Structures are given as C-alpha cells and as structure tokens.
C-alpha cells in the first residue's frame, strides 16, 4: 500500500484529470486490502497442504504406482474445471472491485459537496444514486457467491469420479491377483485422506482467482509511467536569480485542441507580470507549464537559461511557491501547515513569516494559537485567514519564483486588503507570475500580458493597454476584469523593482 501511494502522488496532473478521487482511494484501500487478506491468511495453509499432497502422492507411488498414475491422469479433469470457474471468478472479482470503487466515489462526492447537496435539497436523489450503486454491487457479489457455491461441489464430484476410477481399476487388480484386498483398502484409505487437502487447494485456487482481479487493478496503477520525471542527465537547480522564459511554447491537453500556440515571453528576475484574458485563454496552462506539472508539446520553458526538462524536478519545485485561489490546508495544526514547505524551520522563523503575512495576530487570538487543530481543508477558518496562512507558508519556504493563481478573487474587500498587504510583502524581490481578475491586483504588476485563444495579443502596463483600445480595453469595459472603478491612491502604483 505504501508503494502504491508513493507511486500515486508522483504521477502527473494529466493522470488525475482523467480519474475520480474515490476510484483511486478504492484501489489504494479496498484492492490492496483484498491482496492483503490473501497474503496474510493463505500462505501457511497453502504450504501445509502442499507438503501433505506431495508427501501423500509420494507414499501412494510407493504403495502402488499404477493406481497412483491413474489418479495423476485424472487430475487434469480437476484442472479444467478449476480453470473454467477461475476465469469466471476473476471477471466477477474485477466487477466487484470496480463497483466498490464507484460506491467509494459516490461517498467522497457527497461528503465533499455536502453544502451543495443540502442547498439544492438533493438528499433523496443522492440516496437513490447510492442505493442503486450498492444494489448493483450486491447483485454482482451474489453472482460470485453462486459461482463459489457451485465450484466446491463440482470439485468434490470430480474427486469422487477419481475415487470410483481407482476402485474400479484396483478391484480389477485384486481379481487378477496383482493386488491384495488389504493393499487396496490401505491405498483407498490413504487417498481419501488427501481429498481434504485437495479440496482446500481448490478453495485457495478460487481465492487466488478472486485476488487476481484486485491485483490487475493495483498493478495497472503501478505500471502507469511517470510522465514528468528526471532525465538521466538532469541536474539539480543551483540557487537562481529567477529569470523565466517561454520560447515558442505550444501545448494541448490530451484529446483537446491546442491551448497555447507559439507563446514567447520573458520575465526578468524580480519582475511581477500579470496574465489577463478571457476564460480558456491559456493562463492556468502557462502556470502549469512553469511548475512543470506538464511538459510542452513544442518549445521550451526556461529558468535562468536552463530548460526545465534538464532540471531535477524536486530541485525545481524548491525554487517555486504557489498561492492558489482555493487554499488547501491539511489536517493538523496551523504550525504544521505553515511549515509544510520547510519542515525544519524554527519557531521564530515561522512566527516571523506569519507576521509578514498578517496572520500572526489572528492565530494568536485562537485558543491554542499555532497549535490549533484545523478542520478538513481548514474549514474552521475564513477564506482570508486560510489565504494568509498559505502566504505565510510561501514566505517561510522563501522561493525565488512566486506563482499567484487568482489569490484574492474569492475574498471580500476587508479580507482582500489584508491579503494584498501580505502579498506585497511576499512578492518583494521575487519573480512573480500572477493570474488576476481584480483590477487592484493587476495594477500592481510591472507588466501585463493579455492572452486570447492561446496567444499573447497585447503587452504593457495598465494605462498603456487601455490607450490601445484593444482586447484589454474590451475586457475592462465588459467588467471581465473585476473592480474596474478608479483605483485608490495607495494601490495604483506598480511594485518597485
């Protein structure tokens, strides 16, 4: 399970984009659990029965090799029956694991989206969906139970057929004087002792076939190649200045038309650049490529002149920090979350990062301060508080390149002012690439890149772009860039270089 988990979180975003969370959890927990049961309960019994069968067959060969050979000749009958049932059991087992994964997915979706379920009064609808999924799972489980119920009696019947064959051939030898009645009785008696181990072996065979379904699903996951990995010649990224370049970059998500078309731009070390454009223009894709969550289909992404493909992935991530729109906080204390990017940070460094992020004051007001246990995804904190913790986390990591993905778009005005002040502190001296819709955020950038249908169509500062009366002016007029009223005096000036 640890091996599967370790491989899972190394897979690319492209892999997770095509799979549901509940299905992956089911493979990690349910499928591995099925394999676990086989490995913990079966090996010792299998060894015991194997030794008994080998020893018993050897003894029967010594007693009367002709009768023993007859048994061995009839064994393929058992093998054919076992193989026939085994295929059916494996297929049903895979169906059960798939359906269990679907049930797990439904649970995960409802629990994570419980507010929407309640708000739209869809409890009965979700009950019906869940009941249907569970009933389907139950029906398949009953089919497997029925196959098992037939399998064991059929194996037992085949064993009796073998016994009748032995008695017939043994009786013939007794009549012909080649075998005494006592020897035949002893042979049959000892052969009967072996029926139990053979029956147990048949049941174990059925268990193995059931487990094969789960193993197929687990190894399908383990065999998924890492799309983003270190090349043999990759080198660690040494301390950098932070210059970012996109050189004729093209990219398209699997099965979709190209998202970026020959995009080229550069960001100087310490410069703040905002990406602006309609939905689907390619803003988030640029962020994903800079983070090397994906590789471009053509062109290069460079940091300080180094192609990202020539850099060890972990050393790249150490130079980057992401502050997303939807802040993800993990289960644990506030201190654990702030230290997430730098586990060895001292308490004084952590507190200093929190102060600079305007988070220290509200953290201290909590009953347990930095030791406060957060609910799932930090649900017991406000959006602004979660965002400031994320900024403190980025400050403590101390990256050279900062990525802001609509970091203030979901906040109210009061929270935004606190977060903006924290972001200003965070961006000092760092190369910053921001996706922004709020006018107050965009104006803080040294330069604005306007994207449309995967290409950069305009570039410049706010007033300059408005004067051009191009796409940026159009977006501004249509209020697709939010907060279009005249900026306050304290927010109108771009960040100092």
Protein backbone atom coordinates (compact mmCIF):
# COMPACT_ATOMS: atom_id res chain seq x y z
CA UNK A 1 0.00 0.00 0.00
CA UNK A 2 2.89 2.34 0.80
CA UNK A 3 4.46 1.56 -2.58
CA UNK A 4 1.19 2.28 -4.40
CA UNK A 5 0.74 5.57 -2.51
CA UNK A 6 4.33 6.63 -3.21
CA UNK A 7 3.85 5.96 -6.93
CA UNK A 8 0.42 7.60 -6.99
CA UNK A 9 1.48 11.05 -5.81
CA UNK A 10 4.36 11.09 -8.31
CA UNK A 11 2.01 10.75 -11.28
CA UNK A 12 1.28 13.79 -13.43
CA UNK A 13 -1.75 16.08 -13.20
CA UNK A 14 -2.85 14.61 -16.53
CA UNK A 15 -3.36 11.25 -14.80
CA UNK A 16 -5.51 12.75 -12.02
CA UNK A 17 -7.51 14.81 -14.51
CA UNK A 18 -8.82 11.58 -16.05
CA UNK A 19 -9.67 9.71 -12.83
CA UNK A 20 -12.04 10.18 -9.95
CA UNK A 21 -10.75 10.55 -6.41
CA UNK A 22 -12.96 7.82 -4.95
CA UNK A 23 -11.80 5.32 -7.57
CA UNK A 24 -8.14 5.91 -6.67
CA UNK A 25 -8.89 5.66 -2.94
CA UNK A 26 -10.66 2.35 -3.57
CA UNK A 27 -7.64 0.93 -5.38
CA UNK A 28 -5.36 2.03 -2.58
CA UNK A 29 -7.55 0.73 0.23
CA UNK A 30 -10.03 -1.91 -0.98
CA UNK A 31 -8.00 -3.59 -3.73
CA UNK A 32 -4.82 -3.68 -1.68
CA UNK A 33 -6.90 -4.95 1.26
CA UNK A 34 -8.10 -7.92 -0.81
CA UNK A 35 -4.49 -8.79 -1.66
CA UNK A 36 -3.53 -8.31 1.99
CA UNK A 37 -6.10 -10.87 3.14
CA UNK A 38 -4.70 -13.47 0.74
CA UNK A 39 -1.09 -12.85 1.73
CA UNK A 40 -1.73 -12.89 5.48
CA UNK A 41 -4.15 -15.83 5.70
CA UNK A 42 -3.32 -18.21 2.84
CA UNK A 43 0.48 -18.86 2.64
CA UNK A 44 0.81 -21.05 5.77
CA UNK A 45 -2.27 -23.13 4.89
CA UNK A 46 -1.05 -23.45 1.30
CA UNK A 47 2.37 -24.67 2.49
CA UNK A 48 0.78 -27.18 4.85
CA UNK A 49 -1.50 -28.61 2.16
CA UNK A 50 1.29 -28.64 -0.42
CA UNK A 51 3.56 -30.68 1.88
CA UNK A 52 0.69 -33.06 2.64
CA UNK A 53 -0.15 -33.56 -1.05
CA UNK A 54 3.47 -34.06 -2.15
CA UNK A 55 4.17 -36.47 0.71
CA UNK A 56 0.90 -38.31 0.17
CA UNK A 57 1.41 -38.72 -3.58
CA UNK A 58 4.95 -39.99 -2.93
CA UNK A 59 3.64 -42.56 -0.46
CA UNK A 60 0.91 -43.67 -2.89
CA UNK A 61 3.56 -44.15 -5.60
CA UNK A 62 5.44 -46.48 -3.27
CA UNK A 63 2.29 -48.38 -2.35
CA UNK A 64 1.06 -48.93 -5.92
CA UNK A 65 2.44 -46.79 -8.71
CA UNK A 66 -0.19 -47.94 -11.22
CA UNK A 67 -3.12 -46.72 -9.13
CA UNK A 68 -1.24 -43.52 -8.33
CA UNK A 69 -0.58 -42.85 -12.03
CA UNK A 70 -4.32 -43.33 -12.66
CA UNK A 71 -5.05 -40.59 -10.13
CA UNK A 72 -2.49 -38.31 -11.76
CA UNK A 73 -4.03 -38.98 -15.19
CA UNK A 74 -7.45 -37.94 -13.87
CA UNK A 75 -6.10 -34.76 -12.23
CA UNK A 76 -6.36 -32.71 -15.46
CA UNK A 77 -10.14 -33.09 -15.10
CA UNK A 78 -9.87 -31.07 -11.89
CA UNK A 79 -7.59 -28.56 -13.61
CA UNK A 80 -10.06 -27.99 -16.46
CA UNK A 81 -12.94 -27.45 -14.05
CA UNK A 82 -10.86 -25.15 -11.83
CA UNK A 83 -9.71 -23.10 -14.82
CA UNK A 84 -13.25 -22.71 -16.11
CA UNK A 85 -14.56 -21.49 -12.77
CA UNK A 86 -11.40 -19.44 -12.14
CA UNK A 87 -11.96 -17.26 -15.21
CA UNK A 88 -15.50 -16.51 -14.11
CA UNK A 89 -14.40 -15.74 -10.55
CA UNK A 90 -11.66 -13.38 -11.75
CA UNK A 91 -14.09 -11.48 -14.01
CA UNK A 92 -16.66 -11.16 -11.22
CA UNK A 93 -13.97 -10.07 -8.77
CA UNK A 94 -12.88 -7.25 -11.10
CA UNK A 95 -16.52 -6.16 -11.47
CA UNK A 96 -16.88 -6.12 -7.68
CA UNK A 97 -13.74 -4.01 -7.25
CA UNK A 98 -14.91 -1.57 -9.96
CA UNK A 99 -18.34 -1.29 -8.37
CA UNK A 100 -16.82 -0.87 -4.90
CA UNK A 101 -14.73 1.97 -6.33
CA UNK A 102 -17.91 3.57 -7.72
CA UNK A 103 -19.58 3.37 -4.30
CA UNK A 104 -16.49 4.94 -2.69
CA UNK A 105 -16.57 7.71 -5.29
CA UNK A 106 -20.21 8.49 -4.54
CA UNK A 107 -19.46 8.73 -0.82
CA UNK A 108 -16.48 11.02 -1.47
CA UNK A 109 -18.51 13.27 -3.79
CA UNK A 110 -21.43 13.67 -1.38
CA UNK A 111 -19.25 14.27 1.69
CA UNK A 112 -17.04 16.82 -0.09
CA UNK A 113 -20.05 18.51 -1.68
CA UNK A 114 -22.41 18.28 1.28
CA UNK A 115 -23.21 22.02 1.18
CA UNK A 116 -24.41 21.79 -2.42
CA UNK A 117 -26.40 18.62 -1.68
CA UNK A 118 -28.19 20.32 1.20
CA UNK A 119 -28.60 23.67 -0.57
CA UNK A 120 -30.28 22.07 -3.60
CA UNK A 121 -32.28 19.63 -1.43
CA UNK A 122 -30.88 16.64 -3.31
CA UNK A 123 -30.61 14.23 -0.37
CA UNK A 124 -33.24 11.86 -1.80
CA UNK A 125 -31.60 11.93 -5.22
CA UNK A 126 -28.23 11.05 -3.69
CA UNK A 127 -29.90 8.30 -1.63
CA UNK A 128 -31.30 6.82 -4.84
CA UNK A 129 -27.92 7.01 -6.63
CA UNK A 130 -26.18 5.36 -3.69
CA UNK A 131 -28.85 2.68 -3.28
CA UNK A 132 -28.62 1.83 -6.99
CA UNK A 133 -24.83 1.53 -6.80
CA UNK A 134 -24.96 -0.64 -3.67
CA UNK A 135 -27.67 -2.89 -5.15
CA UNK A 136 -25.56 -3.38 -8.28
CA UNK A 137 -22.60 -4.29 -6.08
CA UNK A 138 -24.76 -6.68 -4.06
CA UNK A 139 -26.05 -8.40 -7.22
CA UNK A 140 -22.51 -8.98 -8.50
CA UNK A 141 -21.39 -10.23 -5.08
CA UNK A 142 -24.28 -12.72 -5.06
CA UNK A 143 -23.23 -13.93 -8.52
CA UNK A 144 -19.74 -14.60 -7.19
CA UNK A 145 -21.21 -16.38 -4.17
CA UNK A 146 -23.31 -18.55 -6.50
CA UNK A 147 -20.27 -19.47 -8.59
CA UNK A 148 -18.37 -20.42 -5.42
CA UNK A 149 -21.38 -22.44 -4.20
CA UNK A 150 -21.28 -24.49 -7.42
CA UNK A 151 -17.48 -24.66 -7.66
CA UNK A 152 -16.80 -26.62 -4.46
CA UNK A 153 -19.46 -29.34 -5.08
CA UNK A 154 -18.25 -29.77 -8.68
CA UNK A 155 -14.68 -30.24 -7.45
CA UNK A 156 -15.96 -32.73 -4.85
CA UNK A 157 -17.88 -34.62 -7.56
CA UNK A 158 -14.76 -34.79 -9.73
CA UNK A 159 -12.88 -36.17 -6.73
CA UNK A 160 -15.49 -38.93 -6.32
CA UNK A 161 -15.19 -39.73 -10.03
CA UNK A 162 -11.47 -40.21 -9.45
CA UNK A 163 -12.22 -42.43 -6.43
CA UNK A 164 -14.59 -44.60 -8.48
CA UNK A 165 -11.92 -44.93 -11.16
CA UNK A 166 -9.39 -46.04 -8.53
CA UNK A 167 -11.82 -48.58 -7.04
CA UNK A 168 -12.64 -49.98 -10.48
CA UNK A 169 -9.01 -50.35 -11.53
CA UNK A 170 -7.95 -51.54 -8.05
CA UNK A 171 -10.76 -54.11 -7.94
CA UNK A 172 -9.64 -55.41 -11.32
CA UNK A 173 -6.09 -55.83 -9.98
CA UNK A 174 -7.43 -57.69 -6.93
CA UNK A 175 -9.39 -60.08 -9.16
CA UNK A 176 -6.28 -60.67 -11.27
CA UNK A 177 -4.22 -61.33 -8.13
CA UNK A 178 -1.90 -58.35 -8.67
CA UNK A 179 -3.12 -56.63 -5.51
CA UNK A 180 -4.44 -57.88 -2.17
CA UNK A 181 -7.73 -56.58 -0.77
CA UNK A 182 -5.83 -55.16 2.23
CA UNK A 183 -3.45 -53.25 -0.01
CA UNK A 184 -6.37 -51.82 -1.99
CA UNK A 185 -8.14 -50.83 1.22
CA UNK A 186 -4.99 -49.14 2.55
CA UNK A 187 -4.47 -47.30 -0.74
CA UNK A 188 -8.07 -46.05 -0.90
CA UNK A 189 -7.97 -45.04 2.78
CA UNK A 190 -4.80 -43.02 2.35
CA UNK A 191 -6.03 -41.50 -0.91
CA UNK A 192 -9.18 -40.45 0.94
CA UNK A 193 -7.05 -38.59 3.46
CA UNK A 194 -5.72 -36.49 0.57
CA UNK A 195 -9.22 -35.43 -0.52
CA UNK A 196 -9.29 -32.78 2.24
CA UNK A 197 -6.05 -31.07 1.18
CA UNK A 198 -7.11 -31.25 -2.49
CA UNK A 199 -10.44 -29.61 -1.62
CA UNK A 200 -8.67 -26.90 0.38
CA UNK A 201 -6.30 -26.34 -2.52
CA UNK A 202 -9.30 -25.87 -4.80
CA UNK A 203 -10.79 -23.29 -2.45
CA UNK A 204 -7.44 -21.48 -2.30
CA UNK A 205 -7.33 -21.51 -6.09
CA UNK A 206 -10.70 -19.76 -6.14
CA UNK A 207 -9.40 -17.17 -3.65
CA UNK A 208 -6.32 -16.56 -5.80
CA UNK A 209 -8.53 -16.01 -8.84
CA UNK A 210 -10.62 -13.52 -6.90
CA UNK A 211 -7.47 -11.69 -5.80
CA UNK A 212 -6.19 -11.58 -9.38
CA UNK A 213 -8.96 -9.11 -10.19
CA UNK A 214 -7.74 -6.76 -7.45
CA UNK A 215 -4.11 -7.33 -8.42
CA UNK A 216 -4.89 -6.40 -12.03
CA UNK A 217 -6.28 -3.05 -10.87
CA UNK A 218 -3.39 -2.38 -8.47
CA UNK A 219 -0.66 -3.26 -10.96
CA UNK A 220 -2.41 -1.23 -13.65
CA UNK A 221 -1.85 1.72 -11.32
CA UNK A 222 1.75 0.77 -10.53
CA UNK A 223 2.52 0.27 -14.23
CA UNK A 224 1.33 3.77 -15.11
CA UNK A 225 4.51 5.55 -16.28
CA UNK A 226 5.65 8.82 -14.77
CA UNK A 227 5.06 11.45 -17.47
CA UNK A 228 7.09 14.05 -15.56
CA UNK A 229 10.40 12.61 -14.42
CA UNK A 230 14.10 13.39 -14.27
CA UNK A 231 16.06 12.70 -17.44
CA UNK A 232 19.32 10.72 -17.00
CA UNK A 233 21.33 13.93 -17.46
CA UNK A 234 19.12 16.13 -15.24
CA UNK A 235 20.96 18.33 -12.77
CA UNK A 236 19.92 19.99 -9.55
CA UNK A 237 18.94 23.62 -9.93
CA UNK A 238 21.51 25.72 -8.11
CA UNK A 239 20.47 29.00 -6.40
CA UNK A 240 18.84 31.08 -9.12
CA UNK A 241 18.18 34.72 -9.96
CA UNK A 242 14.66 33.92 -11.17
CA UNK A 243 14.51 34.85 -14.85
CA UNK A 244 11.67 32.99 -16.61
CA UNK A 245 11.40 32.45 -20.37
CA UNK A 246 8.80 30.82 -22.61
CA UNK A 247 10.32 30.10 -26.02
CA UNK A 248 7.76 29.30 -28.78
CA UNK A 249 5.78 27.11 -26.40
CA UNK A 250 2.93 25.01 -27.76
CA UNK A 251 0.70 22.81 -25.63
CA UNK A 252 -2.59 20.95 -25.80
CA UNK A 253 -4.29 18.75 -23.24
CA UNK A 254 -4.84 15.15 -24.28
CA UNK A 255 -7.72 14.78 -26.69
CA UNK A 256 -8.26 18.54 -26.99
CA UNK A 257 -7.23 21.25 -29.42
CA UNK A 258 -4.03 23.22 -28.65
CA UNK A 259 -4.31 25.60 -25.70
CA UNK A 260 -1.08 27.54 -26.31
CA UNK A 261 0.25 28.39 -29.77
CA UNK A 262 3.87 29.57 -30.10
CA UNK A 263 3.80 31.59 -26.86
CA UNK A 264 7.02 33.50 -26.18
CA UNK A 265 7.77 35.95 -23.38
CA UNK A 266 10.33 36.55 -20.67
CA UNK A 267 10.11 37.74 -17.07
CA UNK A 268 13.19 39.35 -15.57
CA UNK A 269 14.39 38.37 -12.12
CA UNK A 270 12.32 40.23 -9.51
CA UNK A 271 9.71 41.36 -12.04
CA UNK A 272 5.96 40.96 -11.45
CA UNK A 273 3.93 40.02 -14.53
CA UNK A 274 0.14 39.60 -14.63
CA UNK A 275 -1.66 37.27 -17.04
CA UNK A 276 -5.03 38.56 -18.20
CA UNK A 277 -7.52 37.13 -20.64
CA UNK A 278 -10.94 35.54 -21.09
CA UNK A 279 -11.68 32.09 -19.71
CA UNK A 280 -9.84 29.42 -21.69
CA UNK A 281 -7.16 31.79 -22.98
CA UNK A 282 -4.35 29.65 -21.51
CA UNK A 283 -3.45 31.48 -18.29
CA UNK A 284 -3.60 28.46 -15.98
CA UNK A 285 -1.81 26.36 -18.59
CA UNK A 286 1.16 28.74 -18.50
CA UNK A 287 1.28 28.38 -14.71
CA UNK A 288 1.11 24.57 -15.00
CA UNK A 289 3.96 24.53 -17.52
CA UNK A 290 6.15 26.80 -15.37
CA UNK A 291 5.57 24.45 -12.45
CA UNK A 292 6.30 21.53 -14.80
CA UNK A 293 3.07 19.82 -13.97
CA UNK A 294 3.06 19.19 -17.75
CA UNK A 295 5.71 19.36 -20.46
CA UNK A 296 5.11 21.50 -23.57
CA UNK A 297 4.46 19.64 -26.82
CA UNK A 298 6.86 22.05 -28.55
CA UNK A 299 9.16 24.84 -27.49
CA UNK A 300 10.94 25.35 -24.19
CA UNK A 301 10.31 26.74 -20.73
CA UNK A 302 13.50 28.06 -19.11
CA UNK A 303 14.62 29.38 -15.74
CA UNK A 304 17.88 31.33 -15.78
CA UNK A 305 18.52 29.83 -19.22
CA UNK A 306 18.03 26.22 -18.08
CA UNK A 307 15.39 24.14 -19.87
CA UNK A 308 13.05 22.70 -17.22
CA UNK A 309 13.49 19.24 -18.77
CA UNK A 310 17.20 19.39 -17.87
CA UNK A 311 16.48 20.19 -14.21
CA UNK A 312 15.74 17.68 -11.46
CA UNK A 313 12.04 18.05 -10.69
CA UNK A 314 12.36 18.32 -6.91
CA UNK A 315 15.07 20.97 -7.15
CA UNK A 316 12.77 22.96 -9.46
CA UNK A 317 9.88 22.77 -7.00
CA UNK A 318 12.15 24.02 -4.21
CA UNK A 319 12.55 27.30 -6.12
CA UNK A 320 8.80 27.80 -6.67
CA UNK A 321 5.85 28.58 -4.45
CA UNK A 322 2.19 28.57 -5.44
CA UNK A 323 -0.57 30.58 -3.75
CA UNK A 324 -3.81 29.32 -5.36
CA UNK A 325 -7.31 30.73 -5.32
CA UNK A 326 -8.64 27.78 -3.33
CA UNK A 327 -6.18 27.43 -0.46
CA UNK A 328 -5.61 23.83 0.57
CA UNK A 329 -4.77 23.32 4.23
CA UNK A 330 -4.00 19.85 5.52
CA UNK A 331 -5.23 18.13 8.65
CA UNK A 332 -3.05 19.03 11.63
CA UNK A 333 -2.04 22.21 13.39
CA UNK A 334 -1.61 25.68 11.93
CA UNK A 335 2.11 25.35 12.63
CA UNK A 336 2.24 22.11 10.61
CA UNK A 337 0.64 23.86 7.65
CA UNK A 338 2.94 26.89 7.74
CA UNK A 339 5.97 24.59 7.99
CA UNK A 340 4.72 22.41 5.12
CA UNK A 341 7.30 23.74 2.67
CA UNK A 342 10.12 23.83 5.23
CA UNK A 343 9.69 21.28 7.99
CA UNK A 344 12.95 22.20 9.76
CA UNK A 345 12.06 25.87 10.21
CA UNK A 346 12.46 27.27 13.72
CA UNK A 347 9.53 28.63 15.67
CA UNK A 348 10.89 32.17 15.43
CA UNK A 349 11.17 31.89 11.62
CA UNK A 350 7.61 30.57 11.44
CA UNK A 351 6.27 33.42 13.58
CA UNK A 352 8.18 35.98 11.53
CA UNK A 353 6.67 34.58 8.31
CA UNK A 354 3.22 34.77 9.91
CA UNK A 355 3.77 38.39 10.95
CA UNK A 356 4.78 39.36 7.42
CA UNK A 357 1.68 37.56 6.10
CA UNK A 358 -0.63 39.45 8.51
CA UNK A 359 -1.55 36.10 10.05
CA UNK A 360 0.16 36.22 13.48
CA UNK A 361 -2.48 38.37 15.15
CA UNK A 362 -5.49 36.20 14.29
CA UNK A 363 -3.53 33.00 15.01
CA UNK A 364 -2.65 34.27 18.49
CA UNK A 365 -6.32 35.06 19.11
CA UNK A 366 -7.22 31.38 18.71
CA UNK A 367 -7.44 29.33 21.94
CA UNK A 368 -4.46 27.13 21.04
CA UNK A 369 -2.59 29.61 18.85
CA UNK A 370 -0.24 27.90 16.42
CA UNK A 371 -1.21 24.51 17.91
CA UNK A 372 -4.83 24.94 16.83
CA UNK A 373 -6.04 21.81 15.03
CA UNK A 374 -7.61 22.68 11.69
CA UNK A 375 -10.71 21.02 10.35
CA UNK A 376 -10.65 19.32 6.96
CA UNK A 377 -9.20 21.78 4.42
CA UNK A 378 -9.18 24.45 7.15
CA UNK A 379 -12.96 24.73 7.12
CA UNK A 380 -13.00 26.34 10.60
CA UNK A 381 -11.12 29.39 9.24
CA UNK A 382 -12.36 32.17 6.97
CA UNK A 383 -11.19 32.43 3.37
CA UNK A 384 -8.93 35.36 4.17
CA UNK A 385 -7.39 33.56 7.15
CA UNK A 386 -6.69 30.46 5.06
CA UNK A 387 -5.13 32.61 2.36
CA UNK A 388 -2.84 34.38 4.83
CA UNK A 389 -1.68 31.03 6.21
CA UNK A 390 -0.89 29.99 2.62
CA UNK A 391 1.11 33.20 2.17
CA UNK A 392 2.97 32.55 5.44
CA UNK A 393 3.73 29.06 4.15
CA UNK A 394 5.16 30.52 0.94
CA UNK A 395 7.17 33.16 2.85
CA UNK A 396 8.71 30.52 5.08
CA UNK A 397 9.69 28.44 2.06
CA UNK A 398 11.43 31.55 0.65
CA UNK A 399 11.17 30.75 -3.09
CA UNK A 400 12.79 32.75 -5.87
CA UNK A 401 9.75 32.44 -8.14
CA UNK A 402 6.21 33.04 -6.94
CA UNK A 403 3.01 31.99 -8.69
CA UNK A 404 -0.27 33.63 -7.69
CA UNK A 405 -3.33 31.95 -9.19
CA UNK A 406 -6.22 34.37 -8.61
CA UNK A 407 -5.13 34.55 -4.96
CA UNK A 408 -7.65 37.26 -3.96
CA UNK A 409 -10.58 36.72 -6.34
CA UNK A 410 -12.75 34.88 -3.79
CA UNK A 411 -12.25 37.35 -0.91
CA UNK A 412 -14.34 40.23 0.37
CA UNK A 413 -12.92 43.76 0.39
CA UNK A 414 -11.73 43.69 4.01
CA UNK A 415 -10.04 40.31 3.65
CA UNK A 416 -8.59 41.36 0.31
CA UNK A 417 -6.85 44.40 1.80
CA UNK A 418 -5.13 42.24 4.42
CA UNK A 419 -4.18 39.59 1.87
CA UNK A 420 -2.97 42.21 -0.62
CA UNK A 421 -0.69 43.67 2.04
CA UNK A 422 0.64 40.19 2.76
CA UNK A 423 1.13 39.51 -0.96
CA UNK A 424 3.05 42.76 -1.36
CA UNK A 425 5.42 41.58 1.36
CA UNK A 426 5.66 38.14 -0.24
CA UNK A 427 6.46 39.49 -3.72
CA UNK A 428 9.34 41.72 -2.63
CA UNK A 429 12.47 40.74 -4.53
CA UNK A 430 10.85 37.70 -6.12
CA UNK A 431 9.94 36.92 -9.71
CA UNK A 432 6.14 36.83 -9.67
CA UNK A 433 3.69 35.48 -12.22
CA UNK A 434 0.09 36.21 -11.31
CA UNK A 435 -3.25 35.29 -12.78
CA UNK A 436 -5.64 38.02 -11.72
CA UNK A 437 -9.12 39.32 -12.46
CA UNK A 438 -9.26 42.05 -9.86
CA UNK A 439 -8.21 45.44 -11.11
CA UNK A 440 -6.43 46.26 -7.84
CA UNK A 441 -4.22 43.20 -8.26
CA UNK A 442 -3.46 43.73 -11.94
CA UNK A 443 -2.31 47.32 -11.42
CA UNK A 444 0.40 46.12 -9.03
CA UNK A 445 2.18 44.27 -11.83
CA UNK A 446 5.15 45.78 -13.63
CA UNK A 447 3.82 44.35 -16.87
CA UNK A 448 0.60 42.79 -18.15
CA UNK A 449 0.37 40.02 -20.75
CA UNK A 450 -3.02 39.72 -22.45
CA UNK A 451 -3.86 36.27 -23.80
CA UNK A 452 -6.52 35.27 -26.30
CA UNK A 453 -7.00 31.79 -27.76
CA UNK A 454 -3.56 30.63 -26.65
CA UNK A 455 -1.50 33.56 -27.91
CA UNK A 456 -0.23 36.81 -26.41
CA UNK A 457 -2.07 39.59 -28.21
CA UNK A 458 -1.08 42.58 -26.06
CA UNK A 459 1.65 43.52 -23.61
CA UNK A 460 2.28 46.58 -21.46
CA UNK A 461 1.13 48.45 -18.36
CA UNK A 462 -2.46 49.17 -17.46
CA UNK A 463 -2.79 52.72 -18.78
CA UNK A 464 -0.81 51.86 -21.89
CA UNK A 465 -3.09 48.91 -22.69
CA UNK A 466 -6.23 50.94 -22.10
CA UNK A 467 -4.95 53.56 -24.53
CA UNK A 468 -4.52 50.91 -27.24
CA UNK A 469 -8.27 50.17 -27.02
CA UNK A 470 -7.64 46.52 -27.83
CA UNK A 471 -8.71 43.32 -26.05
CA UNK A 472 -7.58 44.53 -22.63
CA UNK A 473 -9.74 47.66 -23.01
CA UNK A 474 -12.62 45.45 -24.17
CA UNK A 475 -12.29 43.16 -21.14
CA UNK A 476 -12.02 46.18 -18.89
CA UNK A 477 -15.16 47.70 -20.37
CA UNK A 478 -17.13 44.46 -20.10
CA UNK A 479 -16.07 44.12 -16.47
CA UNK A 480 -14.47 40.75 -17.12
CA UNK A 481 -11.62 42.30 -15.18
CA UNK A 482 -13.28 42.88 -11.82
CA UNK A 483 -13.19 46.02 -9.68
CA UNK A 484 -12.93 48.45 -12.56
CA UNK A 485 -13.61 51.60 -10.56
CA UNK A 486 -10.77 54.08 -10.28
CA UNK A 487 -8.03 52.66 -8.05
CA UNK A 488 -7.15 54.06 -4.66
CA UNK A 489 -4.03 56.16 -4.45
CA UNK A 490 -2.23 53.50 -2.41
CA UNK A 491 -2.91 50.74 -4.92
CA UNK A 492 -2.37 52.50 -8.22
CA UNK A 493 1.40 52.36 -8.26
CA UNK A 494 3.16 49.26 -9.55
CA UNK A 495 5.53 47.35 -7.32
CA UNK A 496 9.03 48.76 -7.11
CA UNK A 497 11.65 46.82 -8.99
